[in-house]
Amino acid sequence: MTSDILQEVITELVDKRGLLPVLPRHLHHFTALGTAAQIIEYDNVRLSHAEYSNDQRELAQAKETISARLLRRLPDPFFDTVLAEYQNRASELDAYIFCMCMDKAGGPAQDILSQWRAYGQDGRGAALTLDTGHLSRIVAHVPTMRINPVMYSDTTKETFVDLILDSGLASSNSNPNAADATVAALVFATPLMKAAGFEEEREWRLIFMPPLLDPLPKLHFHPRRDFLAPYFDLSYVWEDLRPRLLAIPELQATLPSPQRSITVPPLLPIEGIMVGPSGHQDLNVRALGKLLTQNWNCDRTLRDPISKPRVRLEAGFAHHGYETGPYIPTTVARQPARLTNRHEQEHTRV
């Protein structure tokens, strides 16, 4: 029911009202060079707790927006219940996200200087290009995981919440679980709202909201500034948690066609890597090329380019005040491999 409400509302905003973008062919993740190397080496990323983001007021403002739209519907028995339960669940919201961005209108995302400054180590990091078709396949087989665009304008946020409330109310006469489904949809919508000042980012989020399990899922903690930020490994969610979630009939029923045994080779669908400008850009490009070859069993000669996914490795960019050498494209073939039980190995988590 929750997924039905969300899908109905998102379809309305994308197809009929044009307030949300269609999922693009590619999304991009900007990060530090060392983190990019770890992502490549271990075929893994972190899903970080949304409350520990750069803007720690982000979730609080989203909760305020949702509560304000609910208060406009009172007094009403249905919305009284939804408001009380939403505020109860939102107070301990447990959402874990991996952030990406889409290309800007008229140009690639790698041309957005603010992304390099904020997330790409002030231009010295890297931008990873991901295939969203593959990401969607992962989402389709993991209960409580979604990939959605971030909302920035107040109008879009309010419309999104109002449509969830309308949909929940419309089903309340025939569905005794309508209030619970409405609350769950609102909880999932909470980490999709961001201040209008960040609109240039055109962000999309891979979101995982773990249900209560016994034993509890294994969290890791990353020191960040003056606090510890909780996170899940995506590989752990896929390999360990997914089978446990699919064993719960109520969660399995939320997926269109769940499969307990499915191969996703490799887990991360990286199709391109752009290395930001720095004094050692050429060296960094060559180092990442060696890393791709070593960890993905790549064939740099591309003797079999059709059967092997390829990763485009590039040095960019020579504008926006940065001076770099010539644009250097390198294409590396990526050998598909079946997923292993990576959680049994000791490694640095990304």
Protein backbone atom coordinates (compact mmCIF):
# COMPACT_ATOMS: atom_id res chain seq x y z
CA MET A 1 0.00 0.00 0.00
CA THR A 2 2.83 2.41 0.90
CA SER A 3 4.58 1.77 -2.41
CA ASP A 4 1.27 2.18 -4.23
CA ILE A 5 0.70 5.63 -2.72
CA LEU A 6 4.26 6.78 -3.46
CA GLN A 7 4.20 5.46 -7.01
CA GLU A 8 0.85 7.07 -7.70
CA VAL A 9 1.98 10.45 -6.35
CA ILE A 10 5.37 10.42 -8.08
CA THR A 11 3.74 9.45 -11.39
CA GLU A 12 1.34 12.37 -10.98
CA LEU A 13 4.15 14.85 -10.32
CA VAL A 14 6.37 13.54 -13.14
CA ASP A 15 3.95 12.70 -15.95
CA LYS A 16 1.01 15.05 -15.37
CA ARG A 17 2.38 18.09 -13.57
CA GLY A 18 6.04 18.12 -14.61
CA LEU A 19 7.16 19.05 -11.09
CA LEU A 20 9.65 16.18 -10.78
CA PRO A 21 12.18 14.95 -13.36
CA VAL A 22 12.11 11.56 -15.07
CA LEU A 23 14.86 9.20 -13.93
CA PRO A 24 17.76 9.97 -16.31
CA ARG A 25 20.00 7.45 -18.02
CA HIS A 26 22.94 8.38 -15.77
CA LEU A 27 23.53 9.93 -12.36
CA HIS A 28 26.81 11.25 -10.96
CA HIS A 29 28.47 11.00 -7.55
CA PHE A 30 31.16 13.54 -6.61
CA THR A 31 33.65 12.49 -3.97
CA ALA A 32 37.25 12.69 -2.75
CA LEU A 33 39.86 10.85 -4.77
CA GLY A 34 40.65 8.42 -1.96
CA THR A 35 36.97 7.58 -1.50
CA ALA A 36 36.58 7.02 -5.24
CA ALA A 37 39.50 4.58 -5.13
CA GLN A 38 37.86 2.64 -2.28
CA ILE A 39 34.52 2.54 -4.11
CA ILE A 40 36.27 1.04 -7.15
CA GLU A 41 38.39 -1.39 -5.13
CA TYR A 42 35.59 -2.80 -2.99
CA ASP A 43 32.61 -2.35 -5.34
CA ASN A 44 30.71 -0.72 -2.51
CA VAL A 45 29.35 2.62 -1.23
CA ARG A 46 28.05 3.91 2.06
CA LEU A 47 24.39 4.59 2.71
CA SER A 48 24.79 7.33 5.32
CA HIS A 49 22.19 8.38 7.87
CA ALA A 50 20.29 11.36 6.45
CA GLU A 51 20.36 13.23 9.75
CA TYR A 52 24.16 13.49 9.56
CA SER A 53 24.23 15.42 6.29
CA ASN A 54 26.02 18.69 5.54
CA ASP A 55 22.81 20.59 6.36
CA GLN A 56 21.61 19.18 9.68
CA ARG A 57 18.45 21.34 9.55
CA GLU A 58 17.37 19.53 6.39
CA LEU A 59 15.27 16.79 8.02
CA ALA A 60 13.86 19.13 10.66
CA GLN A 61 12.58 21.50 7.96
CA ALA A 62 11.07 18.60 6.01
CA LYS A 63 9.22 17.39 9.12
CA GLU A 64 7.92 20.92 9.69
CA THR A 65 6.62 21.10 6.11
CA ILE A 66 4.80 17.77 6.39
CA SER A 67 3.34 18.54 9.82
CA ALA A 68 2.11 21.94 8.61
CA ARG A 69 0.24 20.36 5.68
CA LEU A 70 -1.33 17.84 8.06
CA LEU A 71 -2.41 20.56 10.50
CA ARG A 72 -4.36 22.24 7.68
CA ARG A 73 -6.53 19.10 7.45
CA LEU A 74 -7.58 19.13 11.12
CA PRO A 75 -9.93 18.47 12.77
CA ASP A 76 -10.51 15.15 11.04
CA PRO A 77 -10.31 11.68 12.66
CA PHE A 78 -8.22 10.23 9.82
CA PHE A 79 -5.68 13.04 9.79
CA ASP A 80 -5.60 13.25 13.59
CA THR A 81 -4.35 9.67 13.56
CA VAL A 82 -1.90 10.28 10.70
CA LEU A 83 -0.41 13.40 12.33
CA ALA A 84 0.10 11.76 15.73
CA GLU A 85 1.68 8.65 14.24
CA TYR A 86 3.84 10.62 11.77
CA GLN A 87 5.27 12.82 14.51
CA ASN A 88 5.94 9.74 16.61
CA ARG A 89 7.81 7.93 13.82
CA ALA A 90 9.52 11.02 12.41
CA SER A 91 11.10 11.78 15.79
CA GLU A 92 13.35 8.75 15.30
CA LEU A 93 13.54 8.69 11.51
CA ASP A 94 16.02 6.07 10.33
CA ALA A 95 16.85 6.82 6.68
CA TYR A 96 20.17 5.99 4.99
CA ILE A 97 21.05 7.66 1.71
CA PHE A 98 23.56 7.66 -1.13
CA CYS A 99 23.54 10.99 -2.97
CA MET A 100 23.90 11.53 -6.72
CA CYS A 101 23.02 14.31 -9.14
CA MET A 102 21.66 14.49 -12.67
CA ASP A 103 23.02 16.47 -15.59
CA LYS A 104 22.05 20.11 -15.69
CA ALA A 105 19.93 21.57 -18.47
CA GLY A 106 22.17 22.08 -21.50
CA GLY A 107 25.27 20.41 -20.10
CA PRO A 108 26.78 17.61 -18.01
CA ALA A 109 26.75 17.58 -14.22
CA GLN A 110 30.55 17.67 -14.25
CA ASP A 111 30.26 21.31 -15.38
CA ILE A 112 28.62 22.32 -12.06
CA LEU A 113 31.46 23.99 -10.18
CA SER A 114 29.60 23.96 -6.86
CA GLN A 115 29.51 20.15 -6.93
CA TRP A 116 33.27 19.96 -7.26
CA ARG A 117 33.75 22.51 -4.48
CA ALA A 118 31.33 20.94 -2.01
CA TYR A 119 31.75 17.21 -2.68
CA GLY A 120 34.68 16.72 -5.06
CA GLN A 121 37.47 17.88 -2.75
CA ASP A 122 37.35 21.40 -4.20
CA GLY A 123 38.03 20.06 -7.68
CA ARG A 124 40.77 17.64 -6.65
CA GLY A 125 38.42 14.63 -6.34
CA ALA A 126 36.47 12.59 -8.86
CA ALA A 127 32.97 12.26 -10.32
CA LEU A 128 31.62 8.73 -10.83
CA THR A 129 28.94 8.19 -13.49
CA LEU A 130 26.40 5.48 -12.64
CA ASP A 131 23.92 3.60 -14.81
CA THR A 132 20.43 4.14 -13.36
CA GLY A 133 18.97 1.12 -15.12
CA HIS A 134 21.19 -1.08 -12.99
CA LEU A 135 20.44 0.94 -9.84
CA SER A 136 16.71 0.50 -10.52
CA ARG A 137 17.26 -3.24 -10.76
CA ILE A 138 18.85 -3.26 -7.30
CA VAL A 139 15.96 -1.20 -5.88
CA ALA A 140 13.40 -3.56 -7.43
CA HIS A 141 14.80 -6.44 -5.36
CA VAL A 142 15.35 -4.74 -1.97
CA PRO A 143 12.30 -3.98 0.19
CA THR A 144 12.23 -0.48 1.75
CA MET A 145 14.74 0.87 -0.79
CA ARG A 146 13.88 3.51 -3.39
CA ILE A 147 15.58 5.91 -5.80
CA ASN A 148 13.89 9.30 -6.08
CA PRO A 149 14.65 12.93 -6.93
CA VAL A 150 15.05 15.56 -4.23
CA MET A 151 12.45 18.35 -4.03
CA TYR A 152 13.55 21.95 -3.56
CA SER A 153 10.65 24.33 -4.18
CA ASP A 154 8.02 24.83 -1.47
CA THR A 155 5.27 24.37 -4.07
CA THR A 156 6.54 20.93 -5.08
CA LYS A 157 6.99 19.83 -1.47
CA GLU A 158 3.51 20.93 -0.47
CA THR A 159 1.92 19.39 -3.55
CA PHE A 160 3.77 16.12 -2.92
CA VAL A 161 2.51 15.94 0.68
CA ASP A 162 -1.05 16.96 -0.25
CA LEU A 163 -1.26 14.24 -2.92
CA ILE A 164 -0.11 11.61 -0.38
CA LEU A 165 -2.78 12.81 2.06
CA ASP A 166 -5.47 12.84 -0.64
CA SER A 167 -4.56 9.33 -1.75
CA GLY A 168 -4.56 7.99 1.81
CA LEU A 169 -7.92 9.57 2.61
CA ALA A 170 -9.49 8.27 -0.61
CA SER A 171 -8.58 4.71 0.34
CA SER A 172 -9.52 4.96 4.02
CA ASN A 173 -13.12 3.75 3.57
CA SER A 174 -12.06 0.51 1.88
CA ASN A 175 -8.67 -0.11 3.48
CA PRO A 176 -8.30 -0.40 7.27
CA ASN A 177 -4.53 0.11 6.91
CA ALA A 178 -4.83 3.38 4.98
CA ALA A 179 -3.60 5.53 7.88
CA ASP A 180 -0.51 3.36 8.39
CA ALA A 181 0.25 3.40 4.67
CA THR A 182 -0.14 7.19 4.56
CA VAL A 183 2.23 7.63 7.50
CA ALA A 184 4.78 5.31 5.90
CA ALA A 185 4.61 7.28 2.63
CA LEU A 186 5.14 10.55 4.51
CA VAL A 187 8.10 9.09 6.39
CA PHE A 188 9.67 8.00 3.09
CA ALA A 189 9.04 11.47 1.64
CA THR A 190 10.84 13.23 4.51
CA PRO A 191 14.46 12.71 3.31
CA LEU A 192 13.46 13.86 -0.20
CA MET A 193 13.16 17.53 0.76
CA LYS A 194 15.97 20.04 0.68
CA ALA A 195 16.33 23.84 0.89
CA ALA A 196 15.81 25.77 -2.35
CA GLY A 197 19.38 27.10 -2.18
CA PHE A 198 20.67 23.66 -3.18
CA GLU A 199 18.51 23.39 -6.31
CA GLU A 200 21.50 23.62 -8.66
CA GLU A 201 22.58 20.17 -7.45
CA ARG A 202 19.56 18.43 -9.08
CA GLU A 203 20.04 15.63 -6.58
CA TRP A 204 18.71 12.08 -6.60
CA ARG A 205 18.92 9.77 -3.61
CA LEU A 206 19.17 6.04 -3.16
CA ILE A 207 17.27 5.64 0.12
CA PHE A 208 17.13 2.65 2.46
CA MET A 209 14.87 2.64 5.51
CA PRO A 210 15.50 -0.56 7.50
CA PRO A 211 12.54 -2.08 9.35
CA LEU A 212 12.87 -3.43 12.87
CA LEU A 213 14.69 -6.75 12.73
CA ASP A 214 15.94 -9.20 15.32
CA PRO A 215 18.89 -9.32 15.47
CA LEU A 216 19.38 -5.67 14.52
CA PRO A 217 21.16 -4.90 11.23
CA LYS A 218 24.89 -4.21 11.49
CA LEU A 219 25.70 -0.50 11.37
CA HIS A 220 29.13 1.07 10.92
CA PHE A 221 30.21 4.50 12.12
CA HIS A 222 32.36 7.05 10.35
CA PRO A 223 34.01 9.95 12.24
CA ARG A 224 32.90 13.19 10.63
CA ARG A 225 33.88 16.55 12.03
CA ASP A 226 32.83 16.33 15.70
CA PHE A 227 30.35 13.42 15.53
CA LEU A 228 30.07 9.77 14.47
CA ALA A 229 27.86 9.25 11.42
CA PRO A 230 26.07 5.87 11.17
CA TYR A 231 25.99 4.11 7.81
CA PHE A 232 25.26 0.81 6.07
CA ASP A 233 27.41 -0.77 3.39
CA LEU A 234 25.36 -1.21 0.23
CA SER A 235 27.03 -4.60 -0.21
CA TYR A 236 25.84 -5.63 3.27
CA VAL A 237 22.29 -4.52 2.49
CA TRP A 238 22.33 -6.51 -0.75
CA GLU A 239 24.03 -9.67 0.45
CA ASP A 240 22.95 -9.97 4.10
CA LEU A 241 19.84 -7.89 4.73
CA ARG A 242 17.99 -8.49 1.46
CA PRO A 243 17.43 -12.25 2.10
CA ARG A 244 16.18 -11.46 5.64
CA LEU A 245 13.80 -8.81 4.33
CA LEU A 246 12.47 -11.09 1.60
CA ALA A 247 11.72 -13.74 4.23
CA ILE A 248 9.10 -11.38 5.71
CA PRO A 249 5.88 -11.84 3.63
CA GLU A 250 4.65 -8.27 4.23
CA LEU A 251 7.89 -6.83 2.87
CA GLN A 252 8.19 -9.28 0.00
CA ALA A 253 4.69 -8.23 -1.09
CA THR A 254 5.91 -4.64 -1.60
CA LEU A 255 8.10 -5.70 -4.55
CA PRO A 256 6.70 -6.35 -8.04
CA SER A 257 8.59 -9.61 -8.68
CA PRO A 258 11.05 -10.39 -5.89
CA GLN A 259 13.81 -12.95 -6.45
CA ARG A 260 15.88 -14.29 -3.58
CA SER A 261 18.68 -15.47 -5.86
CA ILE A 262 19.77 -12.91 -8.40
CA THR A 263 23.15 -11.98 -9.81
CA VAL A 264 24.09 -8.31 -10.11
CA PRO A 265 27.55 -8.30 -11.68
CA PRO A 266 29.09 -6.01 -10.50
CA LEU A 267 27.09 -4.37 -7.68
CA LEU A 268 27.97 -0.78 -8.64
CA PRO A 269 27.15 0.21 -12.23
CA ILE A 270 30.03 2.65 -12.78
CA GLU A 271 30.20 3.70 -16.43
CA GLY A 272 32.50 6.68 -16.21
CA ILE A 273 35.02 8.39 -13.96
CA MET A 274 36.15 12.01 -14.34
CA VAL A 275 39.22 13.07 -12.39
CA GLY A 276 39.14 16.67 -11.23
CA PRO A 277 41.91 19.17 -12.00
CA SER A 278 44.88 19.21 -9.67
CA GLY A 279 48.63 19.50 -9.85
CA HIS A 280 48.83 15.72 -10.28
CA GLN A 281 45.83 15.10 -12.51
CA ASP A 282 47.65 13.01 -15.11
CA LEU A 283 49.17 10.83 -12.38
CA ASN A 284 45.77 10.37 -10.78
CA VAL A 285 44.22 9.34 -14.09
CA ARG A 286 46.91 6.74 -14.64
CA ALA A 287 46.61 5.46 -11.07
CA LEU A 288 42.86 5.00 -11.38
CA GLY A 289 43.39 3.22 -14.69
CA LYS A 290 45.70 0.77 -12.93
CA LEU A 291 43.16 0.35 -10.13
CA LEU A 292 40.39 -0.43 -12.62
CA THR A 293 42.58 -2.96 -14.38
CA GLN A 294 43.63 -4.64 -11.13
CA ASN A 295 40.31 -4.81 -9.30
CA TRP A 296 37.89 -5.41 -12.16
CA ASN A 297 40.03 -7.90 -14.08
CA CYS A 298 39.94 -5.49 -16.99
CA ASP A 299 41.31 -5.98 -20.48
CA ARG A 300 42.72 -2.58 -21.49
CA THR A 301 43.17 -3.69 -25.09
CA LEU A 302 39.37 -4.06 -25.48
CA ARG A 303 39.77 -7.23 -27.53
CA ASP A 304 36.21 -8.15 -26.54
CA PRO A 305 34.44 -4.80 -26.17
CA ILE A 306 30.93 -6.12 -26.79
CA SER A 307 30.69 -8.65 -23.98
CA LYS A 308 32.48 -6.55 -21.35
CA PRO A 309 31.03 -3.39 -19.78
CA ARG A 310 33.34 -0.44 -20.33
CA VAL A 311 34.28 2.40 -18.02
CA ARG A 312 35.28 5.75 -19.49
CA LEU A 313 38.11 7.36 -17.49
CA GLU A 314 38.58 11.07 -18.21
CA ALA A 315 40.62 14.05 -17.08
CA GLY A 316 38.55 17.21 -16.81
CA PHE A 317 38.03 20.08 -17.03
CA ALA A 318 39.69 23.09 -18.66
CA HIS A 319 37.33 25.92 -17.80
CA HIS A 320 35.71 27.69 -14.83
CA GLY A 321 39.12 29.13 -13.95
CA TYR A 322 40.92 25.79 -13.72
CA GLU A 323 43.89 25.25 -15.99
CA THR A 324 44.45 21.64 -16.98
CA GLY A 325 46.19 19.72 -19.69
CA PRO A 326 44.48 18.24 -22.74
CA TYR A 327 41.27 16.24 -22.28
CA ILE A 328 42.43 12.62 -21.93
CA PRO A 329 39.82 9.89 -22.44
CA THR A 330 40.72 6.31 -21.60
CA THR A 331 38.32 3.40 -21.93
CA VAL A 332 38.70 0.35 -19.70
CA ALA A 333 36.73 -2.87 -20.10
CA ARG A 334 35.15 -4.24 -16.97
CA GLN A 335 34.93 -8.00 -16.52
CA PRO A 336 31.54 -9.10 -15.07
CA ALA A 337 31.86 -11.21 -11.94
CA ARG A 338 29.37 -12.89 -9.65
CA LEU A 339 28.88 -11.25 -6.27
CA THR A 340 30.86 -12.79 -3.41
CA ASN A 341 30.25 -12.76 0.32
CA ARG A 342 32.24 -9.60 0.71
CA HIS A 343 31.04 -9.09 4.28
CA GLU A 344 33.29 -11.97 5.37
CA GLN A 345 36.35 -10.03 4.27
CA GLU A 346 38.09 -7.24 6.12
CA HIS A 347 38.07 -4.04 4.11
CA THR A 348 37.73 -0.31 4.35
CA ARG A 349 34.13 0.74 3.96
CA VAL A 350 33.02 3.54 1.68
